[in-house]
Amino acid sequence: MSEEFIVGTKVRVLSLPPYLKTADPMPMLRPPDLIQVGEEGIVLDRRPGGYWGVRFAKGAFLIDSQYIESTDKPLESDSNS
């Protein structure tokens, strides 16, 4: 099951895909070394096929959720004091 993200969420790259696909109206394939493992980006939108549009420093790319994780930690309001 793929992870769901909210638009605007910060995400971190867990591992690099075999290639990157640009988030342009006509996507193009790019080498995966444009981003690095651990690099953070912002979720722009959800795309068909299980891809997420994510804005990184070197551009916006379509990335499958298996390669990214959210960096926003949910607040635990039910913690016992």
PDB file of N, CA and C in Angstrom:
ATOM      1  N   MET A   1       0.850  -1.185   0.000  1.00  0.00           N
ATOM      2  CA  MET A   1       0.000   0.000   0.000  1.00  0.00           C
ATOM      3  C   MET A   1       0.888   1.239   0.000  1.00  0.00           C
ATOM      4  N   SER A   2       0.578   2.177  -0.846  1.00  0.00           N
ATOM      5  CA  SER A   2       1.396   3.387  -0.930  1.00  0.00           C
ATOM      6  C   SER A   2       0.962   4.395   0.133  1.00  0.00           C
ATOM      7  N   GLU A   3       1.933   5.143   0.622  1.00  0.00           N
ATOM      8  CA  GLU A   3       1.668   6.143   1.649  1.00  0.00           C
ATOM      9  C   GLU A   3       0.992   7.355   1.025  1.00  0.00           C
ATOM     10  N   GLU A   4       0.092   7.962   1.772  1.00  0.00           N
ATOM     11  CA  GLU A   4      -0.601   9.161   1.319  1.00  0.00           C
ATOM     12  C   GLU A   4       0.042  10.383   1.970  1.00  0.00           C
ATOM     13  N   PHE A   5       0.175  11.450   1.208  1.00  0.00           N
ATOM     14  CA  PHE A   5       0.743  12.696   1.702  1.00  0.00           C
ATOM     15  C   PHE A   5      -0.251  13.818   1.471  1.00  0.00           C
ATOM     16  N   ILE A   6      -0.160  14.849   2.275  1.00  0.00           N
ATOM     17  CA  ILE A   6      -0.978  16.044   2.108  1.00  0.00           C
ATOM     18  C   ILE A   6      -0.162  17.046   1.293  1.00  0.00           C
ATOM     19  N   VAL A   7      -0.814  17.739   0.360  1.00  0.00           N
ATOM     20  CA  VAL A   7      -0.127  18.754  -0.439  1.00  0.00           C
ATOM     21  C   VAL A   7       0.483  19.779   0.502  1.00  0.00           C
ATOM     22  N   GLY A   8       1.759  20.097   0.292  1.00  0.00           N
ATOM     23  CA  GLY A   8       2.473  21.029   1.152  1.00  0.00           C
ATOM     24  C   GLY A   8       3.327  20.340   2.202  1.00  0.00           C
ATOM     25  N   THR A   9       3.196  19.020   2.323  1.00  0.00           N
ATOM     26  CA  THR A   9       3.984  18.254   3.293  1.00  0.00           C
ATOM     27  C   THR A   9       5.442  18.198   2.865  1.00  0.00           C
ATOM     28  N   LYS A  10       6.351  18.299   3.823  1.00  0.00           N
ATOM     29  CA  LYS A  10       7.771  18.106   3.526  1.00  0.00           C
ATOM     30  C   LYS A  10       8.051  16.609   3.518  1.00  0.00           C
ATOM     31  N   VAL A  11       8.788  16.174   2.494  1.00  0.00           N
ATOM     32  CA  VAL A  11       9.160  14.766   2.389  1.00  0.00           C
ATOM     33  C   VAL A  11      10.662  14.643   2.198  1.00  0.00           C
ATOM     34  N   ARG A  12      11.198  13.477   2.553  1.00  0.00           N
ATOM     35  CA  ARG A  12      12.626  13.188   2.442  1.00  0.00           C
ATOM     36  C   ARG A  12      12.798  11.972   1.533  1.00  0.00           C
ATOM     37  N   VAL A  13      13.840  12.003   0.709  1.00  0.00           N
ATOM     38  CA  VAL A  13      14.144  10.891  -0.196  1.00  0.00           C
ATOM     39  C   VAL A  13      14.780   9.758   0.613  1.00  0.00           C
ATOM     40  N   LEU A  14      14.173   8.565   0.552  1.00  0.00           N
ATOM     41  CA  LEU A  14      14.694   7.387   1.246  1.00  0.00           C
ATOM     42  C   LEU A  14      15.712   6.635   0.393  1.00  0.00           C
ATOM     43  N   SER A  15      15.394   6.503  -0.881  1.00  0.00           N
ATOM     44  CA  SER A  15      16.291   5.851  -1.831  1.00  0.00           C
ATOM     45  C   SER A  15      15.999   6.432  -3.206  1.00  0.00           C
ATOM     46  N   LEU A  16      16.954   6.289  -4.114  1.00  0.00           N
ATOM     47  CA  LEU A  16      16.788   6.866  -5.452  1.00  0.00           C
ATOM     48  C   LEU A  16      16.105   5.879  -6.393  1.00  0.00           C
ATOM     49  N   PRO A  17      15.160   6.367  -7.182  1.00  0.00           N
ATOM     50  CA  PRO A  17      14.560   5.511  -8.205  1.00  0.00           C
ATOM     51  C   PRO A  17      15.560   5.293  -9.340  1.00  0.00           C
ATOM     52  N   PRO A  18      15.296   4.368 -10.255  1.00  0.00           N
ATOM     53  CA  PRO A  18      16.222   4.128 -11.368  1.00  0.00           C
ATOM     54  C   PRO A  18      16.359   5.341 -12.299  1.00  0.00           C
ATOM     55  N   TYR A  19      15.348   6.189 -12.324  1.00  0.00           N
ATOM     56  CA  TYR A  19      15.366   7.431 -13.103  1.00  0.00           C
ATOM     57  C   TYR A  19      14.363   8.383 -12.491  1.00  0.00           C
ATOM     58  N   LEU A  20      14.462   9.670 -12.831  1.00  0.00           N
ATOM     59  CA  LEU A  20      13.493  10.672 -12.397  1.00  0.00           C
ATOM     60  C   LEU A  20      12.647  11.092 -13.585  1.00  0.00           C
ATOM     61  N   LYS A  21      11.402  11.394 -13.309  1.00  0.00           N
ATOM     62  CA  LYS A  21      10.501  11.903 -14.334  1.00  0.00           C
ATOM     63  C   LYS A  21      10.129  13.318 -13.931  1.00  0.00           C
ATOM     64  N   THR A  22      10.334  14.284 -14.818  1.00  0.00           N
ATOM     65  CA  THR A  22      10.000  15.673 -14.485  1.00  0.00           C
ATOM     66  C   THR A  22       8.496  15.826 -14.302  1.00  0.00           C
ATOM     67  N   ALA A  23       8.089  16.818 -13.530  1.00  0.00           N
ATOM     68  CA  ALA A  23       6.672  17.076 -13.265  1.00  0.00           C
ATOM     69  C   ALA A  23       6.095  18.076 -14.259  1.00  0.00           C
ATOM     70  N   ASP A  24       6.688  18.175 -15.439  1.00  0.00           N
ATOM     71  CA  ASP A  24       6.208  19.077 -16.484  1.00  0.00           C
ATOM     72  C   ASP A  24       4.945  18.508 -17.129  1.00  0.00           C
ATOM     73  N   PRO A  25       4.192  19.339 -17.877  1.00  0.00           N
ATOM     74  CA  PRO A  25       3.025  18.817 -18.602  1.00  0.00           C
ATOM     75  C   PRO A  25       3.402  17.677 -19.563  1.00  0.00           C
ATOM     76  N   MET A  26       4.601  17.725 -20.126  1.00  0.00           N
ATOM     77  CA  MET A  26       5.122  16.634 -20.952  1.00  0.00           C
ATOM     78  C   MET A  26       6.358  16.099 -20.218  1.00  0.00           C
ATOM     79  N   PRO A  27       6.177  15.125 -19.295  1.00  0.00           N
ATOM     80  CA  PRO A  27       7.297  14.646 -18.472  1.00  0.00           C
ATOM     81  C   PRO A  27       8.446  14.086 -19.312  1.00  0.00           C
ATOM     82  N   MET A  28       9.656  14.318 -18.831  1.00  0.00           N
ATOM     83  CA  MET A  28      10.864  13.797 -19.474  1.00  0.00           C
ATOM     84  C   MET A  28      11.655  13.013 -18.437  1.00  0.00           C
ATOM     85  N   LEU A  29      12.371  11.996 -18.882  1.00  0.00           N
ATOM     86  CA  LEU A  29      13.198  11.208 -17.982  1.00  0.00           C
ATOM     87  C   LEU A  29      14.534  11.892 -17.757  1.00  0.00           C
ATOM     88  N   ARG A  30      14.985  11.859 -16.529  1.00  0.00           N
ATOM     89  CA  ARG A  30      16.255  12.460 -16.133  1.00  0.00           C
ATOM     90  C   ARG A  30      17.031  11.462 -15.279  1.00  0.00           C
ATOM     91  N   PRO A  31      18.356  11.616 -15.195  1.00  0.00           N
ATOM     92  CA  PRO A  31      19.136  10.707 -14.347  1.00  0.00           C
ATOM     93  C   PRO A  31      18.791  10.937 -12.873  1.00  0.00           C
ATOM     94  N   PRO A  32      18.868   9.875 -12.054  1.00  0.00           N
ATOM     95  CA  PRO A  32      18.470  10.008 -10.651  1.00  0.00           C
ATOM     96  C   PRO A  32      19.431  10.834  -9.799  1.00  0.00           C
ATOM     97  N   ASP A  33      20.624  11.147 -10.310  1.00  0.00           N
ATOM     98  CA  ASP A  33      21.595  11.882  -9.489  1.00  0.00           C
ATOM     99  C   ASP A  33      21.306  13.381  -9.390  1.00  0.00           C
ATOM    100  N   LEU A  34      20.162  13.827  -9.893  1.00  0.00           N
ATOM    101  CA  LEU A  34      19.769  15.233  -9.716  1.00  0.00           C
ATOM    102  C   LEU A  34      19.317  15.499  -8.285  1.00  0.00           C
ATOM    103  N   ILE A  35      18.911  14.447  -7.585  1.00  0.00           N
ATOM    104  CA  ILE A  35      18.572  14.557  -6.172  1.00  0.00           C
ATOM    105  C   ILE A  35      19.422  13.553  -5.398  1.00  0.00           C
ATOM    106  N   GLN A  36      19.530  13.748  -4.099  1.00  0.00           N
ATOM    107  CA  GLN A  36      20.345  12.879  -3.248  1.00  0.00           C
ATOM    108  C   GLN A  36      19.472  12.215  -2.188  1.00  0.00           C
ATOM    109  N   VAL A  37      19.897  11.055  -1.716  1.00  0.00           N
ATOM    110  CA  VAL A  37      19.218  10.409  -0.604  1.00  0.00           C
ATOM    111  C   VAL A  37      19.293  11.351   0.596  1.00  0.00           C
ATOM    112  N   GLY A  38      18.167  11.574   1.250  1.00  0.00           N
ATOM    113  CA  GLY A  38      18.103  12.486   2.388  1.00  0.00           C
ATOM    114  C   GLY A  38      17.659  13.889   2.020  1.00  0.00           C
ATOM    115  N   GLU A  39      17.645  14.210   0.727  1.00  0.00           N
ATOM    116  CA  GLU A  39      17.208  15.541   0.299  1.00  0.00           C
ATOM    117  C   GLU A  39      15.722  15.715   0.593  1.00  0.00           C
ATOM    118  N   GLU A  40      15.342  16.937   0.972  1.00  0.00           N
ATOM    119  CA  GLU A  40      13.952  17.217   1.307  1.00  0.00           C
ATOM    120  C   GLU A  40      13.289  18.052   0.220  1.00  0.00           C
ATOM    121  N   GLY A  41      11.997  17.831   0.056  1.00  0.00           N
ATOM    122  CA  GLY A  41      11.204  18.569  -0.920  1.00  0.00           C
ATOM    123  C   GLY A  41       9.797  18.774  -0.386  1.00  0.00           C
ATOM    124  N   ILE A  42       8.979  19.471  -1.163  1.00  0.00           N
ATOM    125  CA  ILE A  42       7.599  19.781  -0.799  1.00  0.00           C
ATOM    126  C   ILE A  42       6.660  19.093  -1.791  1.00  0.00           C
ATOM    127  N   VAL A  43       5.643  18.408  -1.259  1.00  0.00           N
ATOM    128  CA  VAL A  43       4.654  17.740  -2.109  1.00  0.00           C
ATOM    129  C   VAL A  43       3.805  18.803  -2.807  1.00  0.00           C
ATOM    130  N   LEU A  44       3.765  18.733  -4.140  1.00  0.00           N
ATOM    131  CA  LEU A  44       2.980  19.685  -4.930  1.00  0.00           C
ATOM    132  C   LEU A  44       1.586  19.145  -5.236  1.00  0.00           C
ATOM    133  N   ASP A  45       1.502  17.864  -5.607  1.00  0.00           N
ATOM    134  CA  ASP A  45       0.220  17.273  -5.972  1.00  0.00           C
ATOM    135  C   ASP A  45       0.331  15.765  -6.102  1.00  0.00           C
ATOM    136  N   ARG A  46      -0.830  15.137  -6.269  1.00  0.00           N
ATOM    137  CA  ARG A  46      -0.926  13.696  -6.500  1.00  0.00           C
ATOM    138  C   ARG A  46      -1.115  13.488  -7.994  1.00  0.00           C
ATOM    139  N   ARG A  47      -0.414  12.528  -8.565  1.00  0.00           N
ATOM    140  CA  ARG A  47      -0.525  12.239  -9.994  1.00  0.00           C
ATOM    141  C   ARG A  47      -1.004  10.805 -10.203  1.00  0.00           C
ATOM    142  N   PRO A  48      -1.577  10.511 -11.366  1.00  0.00           N
ATOM    143  CA  PRO A  48      -2.008   9.137 -11.646  1.00  0.00           C
ATOM    144  C   PRO A  48      -0.832   8.163 -11.621  1.00  0.00           C
ATOM    145  N   GLY A  49      -1.135   6.911 -11.340  1.00  0.00           N
ATOM    146  CA  GLY A  49      -0.108   5.878 -11.343  1.00  0.00           C
ATOM    147  C   GLY A  49       0.658   5.790 -10.043  1.00  0.00           C
ATOM    148  N   GLY A  50       0.167   6.411  -8.977  1.00  0.00           N
ATOM    149  CA  GLY A  50       0.833   6.336  -7.685  1.00  0.00           C
ATOM    150  C   GLY A  50       2.000   7.284  -7.522  1.00  0.00           C
ATOM    151  N   TYR A  51       2.094   8.289  -8.375  1.00  0.00           N
ATOM    152  CA  TYR A  51       3.202   9.248  -8.296  1.00  0.00           C
ATOM    153  C   TYR A  51       2.794  10.499  -7.542  1.00  0.00           C
ATOM    154  N   TRP A  52       3.795  11.141  -6.939  1.00  0.00           N
ATOM    155  CA  TRP A  52       3.611  12.427  -6.262  1.00  0.00           C
ATOM    156  C   TRP A  52       4.495  13.460  -6.937  1.00  0.00           C
ATOM    157  N   GLY A  53       3.960  14.633  -7.191  1.00  0.00           N
ATOM    158  CA  GLY A  53       4.768  15.744  -7.680  1.00  0.00           C
ATOM    159  C   GLY A  53       5.463  16.373  -6.492  1.00  0.00           C
ATOM    160  N   VAL A  54       6.802  16.404  -6.521  1.00  0.00           N
ATOM    161  CA  VAL A  54       7.574  16.936  -5.399  1.00  0.00           C
ATOM    162  C   VAL A  54       8.568  17.968  -5.914  1.00  0.00           C
ATOM    163  N   ARG A  55       8.601  19.154  -5.279  1.00  0.00           N
ATOM    164  CA  ARG A  55       9.521  20.233  -5.641  1.00  0.00           C
ATOM    165  C   ARG A  55      10.786  20.096  -4.806  1.00  0.00           C
ATOM    166  N   PHE A  56      11.914  19.909  -5.500  1.00  0.00           N
ATOM    167  CA  PHE A  56      13.230  19.872  -4.868  1.00  0.00           C
ATOM    168  C   PHE A  56      14.006  21.100  -5.318  1.00  0.00           C
ATOM    169  N   ALA A  57      15.208  21.288  -4.797  1.00  0.00           N
ATOM    170  CA  ALA A  57      16.032  22.447  -5.142  1.00  0.00           C
ATOM    171  C   ALA A  57      16.341  22.484  -6.640  1.00  0.00           C
ATOM    172  N   LYS A  58      16.518  21.332  -7.275  1.00  0.00           N
ATOM    173  CA  LYS A  58      16.887  21.289  -8.694  1.00  0.00           C
ATOM    174  C   LYS A  58      15.698  21.055  -9.622  1.00  0.00           C
ATOM    175  N   GLY A  59      14.478  21.191  -9.113  1.00  0.00           N
ATOM    176  CA  GLY A  59      13.311  21.052  -9.971  1.00  0.00           C
ATOM    177  C   GLY A  59      12.222  20.214  -9.340  1.00  0.00           C
ATOM    178  N   ALA A  60      11.114  20.075 -10.077  1.00  0.00           N
ATOM    179  CA  ALA A  60       9.975  19.285  -9.616  1.00  0.00           C
ATOM    180  C   ALA A  60       9.969  17.957 -10.368  1.00  0.00           C
ATOM    181  N   PHE A  61       9.785  16.875  -9.613  1.00  0.00           N
ATOM    182  CA  PHE A  61       9.831  15.548 -10.199  1.00  0.00           C
ATOM    183  C   PHE A  61       8.659  14.716  -9.709  1.00  0.00           C
ATOM    184  N   LEU A  62       8.304  13.691 -10.495  1.00  0.00           N
ATOM    185  CA  LEU A  62       7.276  12.734 -10.117  1.00  0.00           C
ATOM    186  C   LEU A  62       7.972  11.560  -9.455  1.00  0.00           C
ATOM    187  N   ILE A  63       7.594  11.261  -8.212  1.00  0.00           N
ATOM    188  CA  ILE A  63       8.260  10.215  -7.451  1.00  0.00           C
ATOM    189  C   ILE A  63       7.218   9.302  -6.819  1.00  0.00           C
ATOM    190  N   ASP A  64       7.454   8.001  -6.920  1.00  0.00           N
ATOM    191  CA  ASP A  64       6.594   7.012  -6.292  1.00  0.00           C
ATOM    192  C   ASP A  64       6.757   7.105  -4.769  1.00  0.00           C
ATOM    193  N   SER A  65       5.683   6.855  -4.035  1.00  0.00           N
ATOM    194  CA  SER A  65       5.721   6.999  -2.578  1.00  0.00           C
ATOM    195  C   SER A  65       6.691   6.042  -1.899  1.00  0.00           C
ATOM    196  N   GLN A  66       7.103   4.969  -2.550  1.00  0.00           N
ATOM    197  CA  GLN A  66       8.069   4.048  -1.931  1.00  0.00           C
ATOM    198  C   GLN A  66       9.454   4.667  -1.777  1.00  0.00           C
ATOM    199  N   TYR A  67       9.720   5.749  -2.494  1.00  0.00           N
ATOM    200  CA  TYR A  67      11.036   6.393  -2.442  1.00  0.00           C
ATOM    201  C   TYR A  67      11.100   7.593  -1.504  1.00  0.00           C
ATOM    202  N   ILE A  68       9.954   7.968  -0.907  1.00  0.00           N
ATOM    203  CA  ILE A  68       9.923   9.155  -0.047  1.00  0.00           C
ATOM    204  C   ILE A  68       9.185   8.855   1.255  1.00  0.00           C
ATOM    205  N   GLU A  69       9.470   9.677   2.281  1.00  0.00           N
ATOM    206  CA  GLU A  69       8.752   9.600   3.548  1.00  0.00           C
ATOM    207  C   GLU A  69       8.480  11.015   4.035  1.00  0.00           C
ATOM    208  N   SER A  70       7.438  11.166   4.825  1.00  0.00           N
ATOM    209  CA  SER A  70       7.107  12.470   5.390  1.00  0.00           C
ATOM    210  C   SER A  70       8.096  12.822   6.488  1.00  0.00           C
ATOM    211  N   THR A  71       8.494  14.089   6.557  1.00  0.00           N
ATOM    212  CA  THR A  71       9.363  14.544   7.645  1.00  0.00           C
ATOM    213  C   THR A  71       8.555  15.210   8.742  1.00  0.00           C
ATOM    214  N   ASP A  72       7.278  15.462   8.487  1.00  0.00           N
ATOM    215  CA  ASP A  72       6.400  16.055   9.497  1.00  0.00           C
ATOM    216  C   ASP A  72       5.984  14.974  10.481  1.00  0.00           C
ATOM    217  N   LYS A  73       6.307  15.172  11.736  1.00  0.00           N
ATOM    218  CA  LYS A  73       5.960  14.206  12.778  1.00  0.00           C
ATOM    219  C   LYS A  73       4.594  14.552  13.356  1.00  0.00           C
ATOM    220  N   PRO A  74       3.682  13.568  13.449  1.00  0.00           N
ATOM    221  CA  PRO A  74       2.373  13.852  14.065  1.00  0.00           C
ATOM    222  C   PRO A  74       2.542  14.114  15.555  1.00  0.00           C
ATOM    223  N   LEU A  75       1.767  15.052  16.063  1.00  0.00           N
ATOM    224  CA  LEU A  75       1.828  15.390  17.485  1.00  0.00           C
ATOM    225  C   LEU A  75       1.048  14.347  18.279  1.00  0.00           C
ATOM    226  N   GLU A  76       1.634  13.887  19.372  1.00  0.00           N
ATOM    227  CA  GLU A  76       0.964  12.918  20.224  1.00  0.00           C
ATOM    228  C   GLU A  76       0.250  13.662  21.337  1.00  0.00           C
ATOM    229  N   SER A  77      -1.052  13.841  21.206  1.00  0.00           N
ATOM    230  CA  SER A  77      -1.832  14.574  22.199  1.00  0.00           C
ATOM    231  C   SER A  77      -2.287  13.668  23.340  1.00  0.00           C
ATOM    232  N   ASP A  78      -2.175  12.351  23.164  1.00  0.00           N
ATOM    233  CA  ASP A  78      -2.627  11.406  24.179  1.00  0.00           C
ATOM    234  C   ASP A  78      -1.486  10.882  25.031  1.00  0.00           C
ATOM    235  N   SER A  79      -0.382  11.628  25.130  1.00  0.00           N
ATOM    236  CA  SER A  79       0.744  11.166  25.937  1.00  0.00           C
ATOM    237  C   SER A  79       0.416  11.289  27.415  1.00  0.00           C
ATOM    238  N   ASN A  80       0.840  10.297  28.173  1.00  0.00           N
ATOM    239  CA  ASN A  80       0.597  10.300  29.623  1.00  0.00           C
ATOM    240  C   ASN A  80       1.690  11.085  30.319  1.00  0.00           C
ATOM    241  N   SER A  81       1.315  11.984  31.215  1.00  0.00           N
ATOM    242  CA  SER A  81       2.290  12.802  31.928  1.00  0.00           C
ATOM    243  C   SER A  81       2.504  12.284  33.327  1.00  0.00           C
TER     244      SER A  81
END
